[in-house]
C-alpha atoms as a PDB file:
ATOM      1  CA  MET A   1     -74.627  98.661 100.225  1.00  0.00           C
ATOM      2  CA  ALA A   2     -75.298 101.800 102.234  1.00  0.00           C
ATOM      3  CA  LYS A   3     -76.470 104.867 100.367  1.00  0.00           C
ATOM      4  CA  LYS A   4     -74.655 108.163 100.592  1.00  0.00           C
ATOM      5  CA  GLY A   5     -74.980 109.579 104.114  1.00  0.00           C
ATOM      6  CA  GLU A   6     -76.102 106.273 105.678  1.00  0.00           C
ATOM      7  CA  LEU A   7     -74.164 103.928 107.918  1.00  0.00           C
ATOM      8  CA  SER A   8     -73.437 100.373 106.824  1.00  0.00           C
ATOM      9  CA  LYS A   9     -75.051  97.425 108.631  1.00  0.00           C
ATOM     10  CA  THR A  10     -71.793  96.717 110.460  1.00  0.00           C
ATOM     11  CA  ALA A  11     -71.399 100.325 111.600  1.00  0.00           C
ATOM     12  CA  ARG A  12     -75.006 100.487 112.848  1.00  0.00           C
ATOM     13  CA  ALA A  13     -74.570  97.209 114.748  1.00  0.00           C
ATOM     14  CA  SER A  14     -71.351  98.339 116.415  1.00  0.00           C
ATOM     15  CA  LEU A  15     -72.950 101.642 117.476  1.00  0.00           C
ATOM     16  CA  ALA A  16     -75.904  99.758 118.963  1.00  0.00           C
ATOM     17  CA  GLN A  17     -73.632  97.430 120.965  1.00  0.00           C
ATOM     18  CA  ARG A  18     -71.293 100.103 122.286  1.00  0.00           C
ATOM     19  CA  ASP A  19     -71.567 100.590 126.038  1.00  0.00           C
ATOM     20  CA  GLU A  20     -70.767 103.854 127.773  1.00  0.00           C
ATOM     21  CA  LYS A  21     -67.886 102.915 130.013  1.00  0.00           C
ATOM     22  CA  ASP A  22     -66.680 105.086 132.848  1.00  0.00           C
ATOM     23  CA  PHE A  23     -64.294 103.537 135.322  1.00  0.00           C
ATOM     24  CA  LEU A  24     -61.575 104.624 137.708  1.00  0.00           C
ATOM     25  CA  THR A  25     -58.189 104.712 135.978  1.00  0.00           C
ATOM     26  CA  ALA A  26     -54.752 104.262 137.539  1.00  0.00           C
ATOM     27  CA  ARG A  27     -53.858 107.846 136.547  1.00  0.00           C
ATOM     28  CA  SER A  28     -53.722 110.523 139.233  1.00  0.00           C
ATOM     29  CA  CYS A  29     -54.389 114.223 138.669  1.00  0.00           C
ATOM     30  CA  ALA A  30     -51.235 116.372 138.643  1.00  0.00           C
ATOM     31  CA  LYS A  31     -53.119 119.214 140.368  1.00  0.00           C
ATOM     32  CA  CYS A  32     -55.084 117.479 143.157  1.00  0.00           C
ATOM     33  CA  GLY A  33     -53.470 114.010 143.298  1.00  0.00           C
ATOM     34  CA  GLU A  34     -56.784 112.069 143.161  1.00  0.00           C
ATOM     35  CA  LEU A  35     -57.408 109.146 140.813  1.00  0.00           C
ATOM     36  CA  ILE A  36     -59.304 110.109 137.661  1.00  0.00           C
ATOM     37  CA  MET A  37     -62.451 108.576 136.145  1.00  0.00           C
ATOM     38  CA  LEU A  38     -62.096 107.758 132.435  1.00  0.00           C
ATOM     39  CA  LYS A  39     -64.609 110.404 131.274  1.00  0.00           C
ATOM     40  CA  GLU A  40     -62.818 113.117 133.292  1.00  0.00           C
ATOM     41  CA  LEU A  41     -59.311 112.227 132.064  1.00  0.00           C
ATOM     42  CA  GLN A  42     -57.402 114.981 130.235  1.00  0.00           C
ATOM     43  CA  PRO A  43     -53.961 113.786 129.039  1.00  0.00           C
ATOM     44  CA  VAL A  44     -51.420 116.525 128.313  1.00  0.00           C
ATOM     45  CA  LYS A  45     -48.029 116.059 126.653  1.00  0.00           C
ATOM     46  CA  VAL A  46     -45.376 118.155 128.405  1.00  0.00           C
ATOM     47  CA  LEU A  47     -41.975 118.685 126.801  1.00  0.00           C
ATOM     48  CA  GLY A  48     -39.269 117.099 128.914  1.00  0.00           C
ATOM     49  CA  ALA A  49     -41.730 115.461 131.314  1.00  0.00           C
ATOM     50  CA  GLY A  50     -43.811 113.245 129.018  1.00  0.00           C
ATOM     51  CA  MET A  51     -47.518 112.711 129.635  1.00  0.00           C
ATOM     52  CA  VAL A  52     -49.253 114.448 132.553  1.00  0.00           C
ATOM     53  CA  PHE A  53     -52.879 113.764 133.487  1.00  0.00           C
ATOM     54  CA  TYR A  54     -55.522 116.133 134.863  1.00  0.00           C
ATOM     55  CA  HIS A  55     -59.244 116.151 135.601  1.00  0.00           C
ATOM     56  CA  LYS A  56     -60.861 118.002 132.667  1.00  0.00           C
ATOM     57  CA  GLN A  57     -62.099 120.779 134.978  1.00  0.00           C
ATOM     58  CA  HIS A  58     -58.596 121.222 136.492  1.00  0.00           C
ATOM     59  CA  TYR A  59     -56.769 121.700 133.187  1.00  0.00           C
ATOM     60  CA  THR A  60     -56.637 125.209 131.762  1.00  0.00           C
ATOM     61  CA  ILE A  61     -54.401 126.512 128.984  1.00  0.00           C
ATOM     62  CA  GLY A  62     -52.298 129.487 129.933  1.00  0.00           C
END
Protein backbone atom coordinates (compact mmCIF):
# COMPACT_ATOMS: atom_id res chain seq x y z
CA MET A 1 0.00 0.00 0.00
CA ALA A 2 1.32 3.43 -0.91
CA LYS A 3 2.09 5.83 1.91
CA LYS A 4 0.54 9.26 2.10
CA GLY A 5 1.86 11.42 -0.75
CA GLU A 6 3.21 8.47 -2.78
CA LEU A 7 1.84 6.95 -5.95
CA SER A 8 0.69 3.34 -6.02
CA LYS A 9 2.60 0.74 -8.07
CA THR A 10 -0.08 0.84 -10.76
CA ALA A 11 0.00 4.64 -11.00
CA ARG A 12 3.82 4.70 -11.24
CA ALA A 13 3.76 2.03 -13.96
CA SER A 14 1.15 3.86 -16.02
CA LEU A 15 3.12 7.13 -15.77
CA ALA A 16 6.28 5.33 -16.91
CA GLN A 17 4.53 3.81 -19.94
CA ARG A 18 2.74 6.95 -21.07
CA ASP A 19 4.03 8.28 -24.39
CA GLU A 20 3.87 11.93 -25.37
CA LYS A 21 1.65 11.86 -28.42
CA ASP A 22 1.34 14.76 -30.81
CA PHE A 23 -0.36 14.11 -34.11
CA LEU A 24 -2.30 16.02 -36.73
CA THR A 25 -6.01 16.07 -35.93
CA ALA A 26 -8.92 16.37 -38.35
CA ARG A 27 -9.89 19.70 -36.73
CA SER A 28 -9.19 22.93 -38.59
CA CYS A 29 -8.53 26.30 -36.95
CA ALA A 30 -11.48 28.71 -37.15
CA LYS A 31 -9.08 31.66 -37.57
CA CYS A 32 -6.52 30.42 -40.14
CA GLY A 33 -8.19 27.28 -41.56
CA GLU A 34 -5.12 25.02 -41.11
CA LEU A 35 -5.28 21.57 -39.51
CA ILE A 36 -4.25 21.55 -35.84
CA MET A 37 -1.69 19.37 -34.04
CA LEU A 38 -3.06 17.74 -30.87
CA LYS A 39 -0.84 19.75 -28.49
CA GLU A 40 -1.90 23.04 -30.12
CA LEU A 41 -5.65 22.28 -30.07
CA GLN A 42 -7.85 24.72 -28.13
CA PRO A 43 -11.54 23.66 -28.17
CA VAL A 44 -14.06 26.41 -27.42
CA LYS A 45 -17.78 25.94 -26.82
CA VAL A 46 -19.78 28.67 -28.58
CA LEU A 47 -23.46 29.17 -27.79
CA GLY A 48 -25.57 28.43 -30.84
CA ALA A 49 -22.63 27.15 -32.89
CA GLY A 50 -21.34 24.24 -30.80
CA MET A 51 -17.63 23.46 -30.59
CA VAL A 52 -15.10 25.64 -32.45
CA PHE A 53 -11.39 24.80 -32.60
CA TYR A 54 -8.37 27.12 -32.62
CA HIS A 55 -4.59 26.91 -32.39
CA LYS A 56 -3.74 27.83 -28.77
CA GLN A 57 -1.81 30.92 -29.91
CA HIS A 58 -4.76 32.08 -32.08
CA TYR A 59 -7.38 31.97 -29.32
CA THR A 60 -7.73 35.04 -27.13
CA ILE A 61 -10.57 35.88 -24.75
CA GLY A 62 -12.21 39.21 -25.40
